[in-house]
Amino acid sequence: MLVRWANAEPTQRTIDGWGSLNRMFDDTFGLPAAGSHTRAWVPAVDVAEDEKSYTLALELPGVKPSDLSIQIDGKRLLIQGEKKQQLEEKTDRVHRFERTFGSFQRVFVLPDTVDVERIDASANDGVLTISLPKTERAKAREIPIRAS
């Protein structure tokens, strides 16, 4: 004989509450909700600087260079692209999709020290690397001291 556990309902409310909290964080931070068919996706980016340039490295696994666009608008660098969903026809049932896909856009405000005429981009092994050379006046240089 099955007997209803007296505390099952409060426990279920606690579990449902955690699910609601998880969904709130997922919605806030752009993560896909479980069972969702639309996915929010923002590629991760590393920003580095040396004496000659700034470098942006965006993780874009599965994105072809032909699906990317890089534009300069005043002092803004706009990177747009799309990671397309790849569905495979199989007889096996799919139980879960966790790989993200969809359009994305990243915008960076460029410092005055960037030489926008010499910006260069390359894609290799799922990483888009954008080199932002510094202007000559922005590069560190040593100033000689004259003896009087």
N, C-alpha and C. Protein backbone atom coordinates (compact mmCIF):
# COMPACT_ATOMS: atom_id res chain seq x y z
N MET A 1 0.84 -1.16 0.00
CA MET A 1 0.00 0.00 0.00
C MET A 1 0.90 1.24 0.00
N LEU A 2 0.63 2.23 -0.88
CA LEU A 2 1.35 3.50 -0.94
C LEU A 2 0.68 4.49 -0.02
N VAL A 3 1.48 5.13 0.77
CA VAL A 3 0.98 6.12 1.69
C VAL A 3 1.67 7.44 1.36
N ARG A 4 0.90 8.49 1.27
CA ARG A 4 1.47 9.81 1.00
C ARG A 4 2.31 10.25 2.16
N TRP A 5 3.54 10.69 1.84
CA TRP A 5 4.44 11.17 2.87
C TRP A 5 3.97 12.55 3.30
N ALA A 6 3.88 12.78 4.56
CA ALA A 6 3.29 14.01 5.07
C ALA A 6 4.09 15.25 4.66
N ASN A 7 5.41 15.13 4.54
CA ASN A 7 6.22 16.30 4.23
C ASN A 7 6.53 16.44 2.74
N ALA A 8 5.90 15.63 1.91
CA ALA A 8 6.21 15.67 0.47
C ALA A 8 5.85 17.02 -0.14
N GLU A 9 4.74 17.60 0.24
CA GLU A 9 4.33 18.86 -0.37
C GLU A 9 5.29 20.01 -0.04
N PRO A 10 5.71 20.22 1.21
CA PRO A 10 6.68 21.28 1.47
C PRO A 10 8.01 21.04 0.74
N THR A 11 8.43 19.78 0.68
CA THR A 11 9.67 19.47 -0.03
C THR A 11 9.53 19.82 -1.50
N GLN A 12 8.41 19.49 -2.10
CA GLN A 12 8.19 19.80 -3.52
C GLN A 12 8.17 21.30 -3.74
N ARG A 13 7.60 22.05 -2.80
CA ARG A 13 7.61 23.51 -2.92
C ARG A 13 9.04 24.04 -2.87
N THR A 14 9.88 23.45 -2.01
CA THR A 14 11.28 23.86 -1.94
C THR A 14 11.98 23.58 -3.26
N ILE A 15 11.78 22.39 -3.81
CA ILE A 15 12.39 22.03 -5.10
C ILE A 15 11.89 22.96 -6.19
N ASP A 16 10.58 23.24 -6.23
CA ASP A 16 10.03 24.17 -7.22
C ASP A 16 10.61 25.56 -7.03
N GLY A 17 10.83 25.98 -5.78
CA GLY A 17 11.42 27.28 -5.52
C GLY A 17 12.83 27.38 -6.05
N TRP A 18 13.62 26.32 -5.88
CA TRP A 18 14.98 26.33 -6.43
C TRP A 18 14.93 26.39 -7.95
N GLY A 19 13.98 25.69 -8.57
CA GLY A 19 13.85 25.75 -10.03
C GLY A 19 13.53 27.16 -10.49
N SER A 20 12.66 27.85 -9.75
CA SER A 20 12.32 29.24 -10.09
C SER A 20 13.53 30.15 -9.93
N LEU A 21 14.30 29.93 -8.87
CA LEU A 21 15.50 30.73 -8.64
C LEU A 21 16.52 30.49 -9.76
N ASN A 22 16.71 29.24 -10.14
CA ASN A 22 17.63 28.92 -11.24
C ASN A 22 17.19 29.58 -12.54
N ARG A 23 15.90 29.55 -12.84
CA ARG A 23 15.39 30.17 -14.06
C ARG A 23 15.60 31.69 -14.03
N MET A 24 15.44 32.30 -12.84
CA MET A 24 15.65 33.74 -12.71
C MET A 24 17.11 34.08 -13.03
N PHE A 25 18.06 33.32 -12.49
CA PHE A 25 19.48 33.58 -12.78
C PHE A 25 19.78 33.33 -14.26
N ASP A 26 19.22 32.26 -14.81
CA ASP A 26 19.45 31.97 -16.23
C ASP A 26 18.94 33.10 -17.11
N ASP A 27 17.74 33.61 -16.80
CA ASP A 27 17.18 34.71 -17.59
C ASP A 27 18.00 35.98 -17.43
N THR A 28 18.46 36.24 -16.21
CA THR A 28 19.23 37.45 -15.93
C THR A 28 20.56 37.45 -16.65
N PHE A 29 21.25 36.31 -16.62
CA PHE A 29 22.60 36.26 -17.17
C PHE A 29 22.65 35.70 -18.58
N GLY A 30 21.51 35.57 -19.24
CA GLY A 30 21.50 35.18 -20.64
C GLY A 30 21.76 33.72 -20.89
N LEU A 31 21.55 32.87 -19.91
CA LEU A 31 21.76 31.45 -20.12
C LEU A 31 20.47 30.81 -20.59
N PRO A 32 20.55 29.73 -21.36
CA PRO A 32 19.34 29.10 -21.86
C PRO A 32 18.56 28.43 -20.74
N ALA A 33 17.28 28.59 -20.79
CA ALA A 33 16.43 27.91 -19.83
C ALA A 33 16.33 26.45 -20.23
N ALA A 34 16.25 25.56 -19.26
CA ALA A 34 16.15 24.14 -19.57
C ALA A 34 14.92 23.88 -20.42
N GLY A 35 15.07 23.14 -21.48
CA GLY A 35 13.96 22.83 -22.36
C GLY A 35 13.65 23.93 -23.33
N SER A 36 14.40 25.00 -23.30
CA SER A 36 14.15 26.14 -24.19
C SER A 36 14.64 25.85 -25.59
N HIS A 37 13.93 26.33 -26.59
CA HIS A 37 14.34 26.14 -27.97
C HIS A 37 15.12 27.33 -28.49
N THR A 38 15.03 28.46 -27.82
CA THR A 38 15.83 29.62 -28.23
C THR A 38 16.94 29.78 -27.23
N ARG A 39 18.11 30.11 -27.72
CA ARG A 39 19.27 30.18 -26.86
C ARG A 39 19.90 31.56 -26.93
N ALA A 40 20.24 32.10 -25.79
CA ALA A 40 21.00 33.34 -25.74
C ALA A 40 22.46 32.95 -25.79
N TRP A 41 23.24 33.66 -26.58
CA TRP A 41 24.64 33.30 -26.70
C TRP A 41 25.48 34.54 -26.86
N VAL A 42 26.46 34.70 -26.01
CA VAL A 42 27.42 35.79 -26.10
C VAL A 42 28.79 35.15 -25.99
N PRO A 43 29.62 35.26 -27.03
CA PRO A 43 30.93 34.62 -26.96
C PRO A 43 31.84 35.28 -25.93
N ALA A 44 32.64 34.46 -25.28
CA ALA A 44 33.61 34.96 -24.31
C ALA A 44 34.73 35.68 -25.06
N VAL A 45 35.30 36.70 -24.42
CA VAL A 45 36.37 37.48 -25.06
C VAL A 45 37.49 37.73 -24.06
N ASP A 46 38.72 37.61 -24.54
CA ASP A 46 39.90 38.01 -23.77
C ASP A 46 40.41 39.30 -24.37
N VAL A 47 40.79 40.26 -23.53
CA VAL A 47 41.35 41.53 -23.99
C VAL A 47 42.75 41.65 -23.39
N ALA A 48 43.74 41.86 -24.26
CA ALA A 48 45.13 41.99 -23.80
C ALA A 48 45.73 43.25 -24.41
N GLU A 49 46.80 43.72 -23.79
CA GLU A 49 47.49 44.92 -24.28
C GLU A 49 48.98 44.72 -24.14
N ASP A 50 49.72 45.15 -25.14
CA ASP A 50 51.17 45.24 -25.03
C ASP A 50 51.57 46.64 -25.49
N GLU A 51 52.84 46.90 -25.65
CA GLU A 51 53.27 48.26 -25.98
C GLU A 51 52.86 48.69 -27.39
N LYS A 52 52.58 47.73 -28.29
CA LYS A 52 52.26 48.07 -29.67
C LYS A 52 50.78 48.00 -30.02
N SER A 53 50.00 47.19 -29.28
CA SER A 53 48.60 47.01 -29.68
C SER A 53 47.75 46.44 -28.55
N TYR A 54 46.44 46.47 -28.81
CA TYR A 54 45.46 45.76 -28.00
C TYR A 54 45.06 44.54 -28.82
N THR A 55 44.67 43.45 -28.15
CA THR A 55 44.23 42.26 -28.86
C THR A 55 42.95 41.75 -28.22
N LEU A 56 41.96 41.47 -29.06
CA LEU A 56 40.73 40.84 -28.62
C LEU A 56 40.74 39.41 -29.17
N ALA A 57 40.40 38.44 -28.33
CA ALA A 57 40.29 37.05 -28.77
C ALA A 57 38.92 36.55 -28.34
N LEU A 58 38.06 36.27 -29.33
CA LEU A 58 36.70 35.81 -29.04
C LEU A 58 36.59 34.33 -29.33
N GLU A 59 36.00 33.59 -28.40
CA GLU A 59 35.76 32.17 -28.61
C GLU A 59 34.52 32.00 -29.47
N LEU A 60 34.72 31.43 -30.65
CA LEU A 60 33.61 31.26 -31.58
C LEU A 60 33.61 29.85 -32.18
N PRO A 61 33.53 28.81 -31.37
CA PRO A 61 33.55 27.46 -31.92
C PRO A 61 32.34 27.22 -32.82
N GLY A 62 32.61 26.64 -33.98
CA GLY A 62 31.53 26.32 -34.90
C GLY A 62 31.04 27.48 -35.74
N VAL A 63 31.67 28.65 -35.64
CA VAL A 63 31.25 29.81 -36.42
C VAL A 63 32.24 30.01 -37.56
N LYS A 64 31.72 30.08 -38.77
CA LYS A 64 32.56 30.29 -39.95
C LYS A 64 32.86 31.80 -40.09
N PRO A 65 34.05 32.14 -40.60
CA PRO A 65 34.36 33.56 -40.82
C PRO A 65 33.32 34.26 -41.71
N SER A 66 32.72 33.51 -42.63
CA SER A 66 31.70 34.11 -43.50
C SER A 66 30.42 34.47 -42.74
N ASP A 67 30.26 33.97 -41.53
CA ASP A 67 29.09 34.29 -40.70
C ASP A 67 29.39 35.40 -39.69
N LEU A 68 30.52 36.10 -39.88
CA LEU A 68 30.93 37.18 -38.98
C LEU A 68 31.00 38.51 -39.70
N SER A 69 30.82 39.58 -38.95
CA SER A 69 30.95 40.94 -39.47
C SER A 69 31.65 41.79 -38.42
N ILE A 70 32.66 42.54 -38.84
CA ILE A 70 33.35 43.46 -37.94
C ILE A 70 33.27 44.85 -38.57
N GLN A 71 32.78 45.81 -37.80
CA GLN A 71 32.61 47.17 -38.33
C GLN A 71 33.14 48.19 -37.32
N ILE A 72 33.59 49.31 -37.86
CA ILE A 72 33.99 50.45 -37.04
C ILE A 72 32.95 51.54 -37.25
N ASP A 73 32.40 52.06 -36.17
CA ASP A 73 31.43 53.15 -36.23
C ASP A 73 31.90 54.21 -35.24
N GLY A 74 32.62 55.20 -35.76
CA GLY A 74 33.19 56.21 -34.88
C GLY A 74 34.24 55.57 -33.99
N LYS A 75 34.01 55.59 -32.71
CA LYS A 75 34.93 54.98 -31.75
C LYS A 75 34.45 53.61 -31.26
N ARG A 76 33.46 53.06 -31.96
CA ARG A 76 32.92 51.76 -31.55
C ARG A 76 33.35 50.67 -32.52
N LEU A 77 33.76 49.52 -31.96
CA LEU A 77 34.05 48.33 -32.73
C LEU A 77 32.88 47.39 -32.52
N LEU A 78 32.20 47.04 -33.61
CA LEU A 78 31.01 46.21 -33.56
C LEU A 78 31.33 44.86 -34.18
N ILE A 79 31.14 43.80 -33.41
CA ILE A 79 31.37 42.44 -33.89
C ILE A 79 30.03 41.72 -33.84
N GLN A 80 29.59 41.22 -35.00
CA GLN A 80 28.32 40.52 -35.09
C GLN A 80 28.55 39.18 -35.76
N GLY A 81 27.70 38.24 -35.44
CA GLY A 81 27.80 36.95 -36.09
C GLY A 81 26.65 36.04 -35.72
N GLU A 82 26.73 34.85 -36.27
CA GLU A 82 25.69 33.87 -35.99
C GLU A 82 26.29 32.48 -35.95
N LYS A 83 25.96 31.77 -34.89
CA LYS A 83 26.31 30.36 -34.79
C LYS A 83 25.05 29.59 -35.13
N LYS A 84 25.12 28.85 -36.22
CA LYS A 84 23.94 28.16 -36.72
C LYS A 84 23.77 26.81 -36.05
N GLN A 85 22.53 26.47 -35.76
CA GLN A 85 22.23 25.18 -35.16
C GLN A 85 22.43 24.11 -36.21
N GLN A 86 23.12 23.06 -35.85
CA GLN A 86 23.34 21.96 -36.77
C GLN A 86 22.56 20.76 -36.28
N LEU A 87 21.52 20.43 -37.03
CA LEU A 87 20.71 19.27 -36.68
C LEU A 87 21.12 18.10 -37.55
N GLU A 88 21.29 16.97 -36.93
CA GLU A 88 21.65 15.78 -37.68
C GLU A 88 20.44 14.87 -37.71
N GLU A 89 20.19 14.31 -38.88
CA GLU A 89 19.09 13.36 -39.00
C GLU A 89 19.58 12.00 -38.54
N LYS A 90 19.01 11.51 -37.47
CA LYS A 90 19.34 10.19 -36.94
C LYS A 90 18.07 9.52 -36.50
N THR A 91 18.16 8.25 -36.37
CA THR A 91 17.01 7.52 -35.87
C THR A 91 16.96 7.53 -34.34
N ASP A 92 18.11 7.87 -33.72
CA ASP A 92 18.15 7.95 -32.26
C ASP A 92 17.34 9.15 -31.78
N ARG A 93 16.77 9.01 -30.62
CA ARG A 93 16.04 10.13 -30.04
C ARG A 93 17.02 11.10 -29.39
N VAL A 94 16.78 12.39 -29.54
CA VAL A 94 17.60 13.40 -28.89
C VAL A 94 16.93 13.73 -27.56
N HIS A 95 17.70 13.65 -26.50
CA HIS A 95 17.14 13.88 -25.18
C HIS A 95 17.39 15.28 -24.66
N ARG A 96 18.44 15.93 -25.16
CA ARG A 96 18.75 17.27 -24.66
C ARG A 96 19.68 17.98 -25.62
N PHE A 97 19.43 19.27 -25.85
CA PHE A 97 20.34 20.13 -26.60
C PHE A 97 20.92 21.12 -25.61
N GLU A 98 22.24 21.13 -25.44
CA GLU A 98 22.88 22.11 -24.57
C GLU A 98 23.81 23.03 -25.32
N ARG A 99 24.18 22.67 -26.55
CA ARG A 99 25.06 23.55 -27.31
C ARG A 99 24.27 24.80 -27.69
N THR A 100 24.90 25.94 -27.50
CA THR A 100 24.21 27.20 -27.78
C THR A 100 24.37 27.58 -29.25
N PHE A 101 23.44 28.36 -29.72
CA PHE A 101 23.45 28.84 -31.10
C PHE A 101 22.64 30.12 -31.15
N GLY A 102 22.76 30.82 -32.27
CA GLY A 102 21.99 32.04 -32.45
C GLY A 102 22.89 33.20 -32.82
N SER A 103 22.28 34.35 -32.97
CA SER A 103 23.01 35.56 -33.33
C SER A 103 23.61 36.19 -32.08
N PHE A 104 24.71 36.91 -32.26
CA PHE A 104 25.31 37.62 -31.16
C PHE A 104 25.84 38.95 -31.66
N GLN A 105 26.09 39.85 -30.72
CA GLN A 105 26.67 41.15 -31.02
C GLN A 105 27.50 41.58 -29.82
N ARG A 106 28.73 41.99 -30.08
CA ARG A 106 29.60 42.55 -29.04
C ARG A 106 30.04 43.92 -29.51
N VAL A 107 30.03 44.90 -28.62
CA VAL A 107 30.42 46.27 -28.96
C VAL A 107 31.50 46.70 -27.97
N PHE A 108 32.59 47.25 -28.50
CA PHE A 108 33.69 47.75 -27.68
C PHE A 108 33.95 49.20 -28.04
N VAL A 109 34.13 50.04 -27.04
CA VAL A 109 34.49 51.43 -27.27
C VAL A 109 36.01 51.48 -27.36
N LEU A 110 36.51 52.01 -28.47
CA LEU A 110 37.94 52.05 -28.71
C LEU A 110 38.57 53.29 -28.08
N PRO A 111 39.74 53.13 -27.46
CA PRO A 111 40.43 54.32 -26.95
C PRO A 111 40.98 55.14 -28.11
N ASP A 112 41.27 56.40 -27.86
CA ASP A 112 41.82 57.28 -28.90
C ASP A 112 43.17 56.80 -29.41
N THR A 113 43.82 55.93 -28.68
CA THR A 113 45.15 55.47 -29.05
C THR A 113 45.15 54.36 -30.11
N VAL A 114 43.98 53.90 -30.56
CA VAL A 114 43.91 52.85 -31.58
C VAL A 114 43.98 53.46 -32.97
N ASP A 115 44.83 52.89 -33.81
CA ASP A 115 44.94 53.28 -35.22
C ASP A 115 43.91 52.47 -36.00
N VAL A 116 42.72 53.03 -36.19
CA VAL A 116 41.61 52.29 -36.81
C VAL A 116 41.89 51.88 -38.25
N GLU A 117 42.80 52.54 -38.92
CA GLU A 117 43.14 52.19 -40.31
C GLU A 117 43.94 50.90 -40.40
N ARG A 118 44.53 50.46 -39.31
CA ARG A 118 45.40 49.28 -39.35
C ARG A 118 44.84 48.09 -38.57
N ILE A 119 43.56 48.12 -38.21
CA ILE A 119 42.96 47.00 -37.48
C ILE A 119 42.96 45.77 -38.38
N ASP A 120 43.29 44.62 -37.78
CA ASP A 120 43.40 43.37 -38.53
C ASP A 120 42.64 42.27 -37.78
N ALA A 121 42.05 41.33 -38.51
CA ALA A 121 41.32 40.23 -37.88
C ALA A 121 41.67 38.92 -38.57
N SER A 122 41.72 37.86 -37.78
CA SER A 122 41.94 36.52 -38.33
C SER A 122 41.16 35.52 -37.49
N ALA A 123 40.80 34.41 -38.11
CA ALA A 123 40.07 33.35 -37.41
C ALA A 123 40.84 32.04 -37.57
N ASN A 124 41.01 31.34 -36.43
CA ASN A 124 41.74 30.08 -36.46
C ASN A 124 41.28 29.21 -35.30
N ASP A 125 40.92 27.96 -35.60
CA ASP A 125 40.53 26.99 -34.57
C ASP A 125 39.44 27.50 -33.64
N GLY A 126 38.44 28.18 -34.18
CA GLY A 126 37.32 28.65 -33.37
C GLY A 126 37.58 29.89 -32.55
N VAL A 127 38.69 30.59 -32.83
CA VAL A 127 39.00 31.82 -32.11
C VAL A 127 39.17 32.95 -33.12
N LEU A 128 38.42 34.01 -32.94
CA LEU A 128 38.56 35.22 -33.75
C LEU A 128 39.49 36.15 -33.00
N THR A 129 40.61 36.52 -33.65
CA THR A 129 41.59 37.40 -33.04
C THR A 129 41.59 38.73 -33.79
N ILE A 130 41.39 39.81 -33.07
CA ILE A 130 41.38 41.15 -33.66
C ILE A 130 42.53 41.94 -33.05
N SER A 131 43.42 42.41 -33.91
CA SER A 131 44.56 43.21 -33.48
C SER A 131 44.23 44.68 -33.69
N LEU A 132 44.38 45.45 -32.64
CA LEU A 132 44.09 46.87 -32.65
C LEU A 132 45.39 47.64 -32.40
N PRO A 133 46.15 47.95 -33.46
CA PRO A 133 47.44 48.62 -33.28
C PRO A 133 47.27 50.00 -32.65
N LYS A 134 48.24 50.38 -31.85
CA LYS A 134 48.24 51.70 -31.24
C LYS A 134 48.85 52.70 -32.23
N THR A 135 48.42 53.93 -32.12
CA THR A 135 49.01 54.98 -32.94
C THR A 135 50.45 55.21 -32.49
N GLU A 136 51.24 55.80 -33.35
CA GLU A 136 52.64 56.06 -33.02
C GLU A 136 52.77 56.95 -31.78
N ARG A 137 51.89 57.91 -31.64
CA ARG A 137 51.99 58.81 -30.49
C ARG A 137 51.63 58.12 -29.18
N ALA A 138 50.92 57.00 -29.26
CA ALA A 138 50.52 56.28 -28.05
C ALA A 138 51.59 55.32 -27.56
N LYS A 139 52.52 54.94 -28.42
CA LYS A 139 53.55 53.98 -28.04
C LYS A 139 54.55 54.61 -27.09
N ALA A 140 54.96 53.83 -26.13
CA ALA A 140 55.95 54.31 -25.16
C ALA A 140 57.28 54.53 -25.88
N ARG A 141 57.93 55.59 -25.53
CA ARG A 141 59.26 55.86 -26.11
C ARG A 141 60.09 56.56 -25.06
N GLU A 142 61.37 56.40 -25.21
CA GLU A 142 62.27 57.02 -24.25
C GLU A 142 62.67 58.39 -24.78
N ILE A 143 62.71 59.35 -23.90
CA ILE A 143 63.09 60.71 -24.26
C ILE A 143 64.51 60.94 -23.76
N PRO A 144 65.42 61.24 -24.67
CA PRO A 144 66.79 61.46 -24.22
C PRO A 144 66.92 62.74 -23.39
N ILE A 145 67.82 62.70 -22.48
CA ILE A 145 68.06 63.87 -21.62
C ILE A 145 69.37 64.51 -22.08
N ARG A 146 69.29 65.80 -22.44
CA ARG A 146 70.48 66.54 -22.87
C ARG A 146 71.21 67.11 -21.66
N ALA A 147 72.49 67.05 -21.74
CA ALA A 147 73.29 67.65 -20.66
C ALA A 147 73.42 69.15 -20.95
N SER A 148 73.26 69.98 -19.96
CA SER A 148 73.36 71.43 -20.16
C SER A 148 74.74 71.94 -19.92
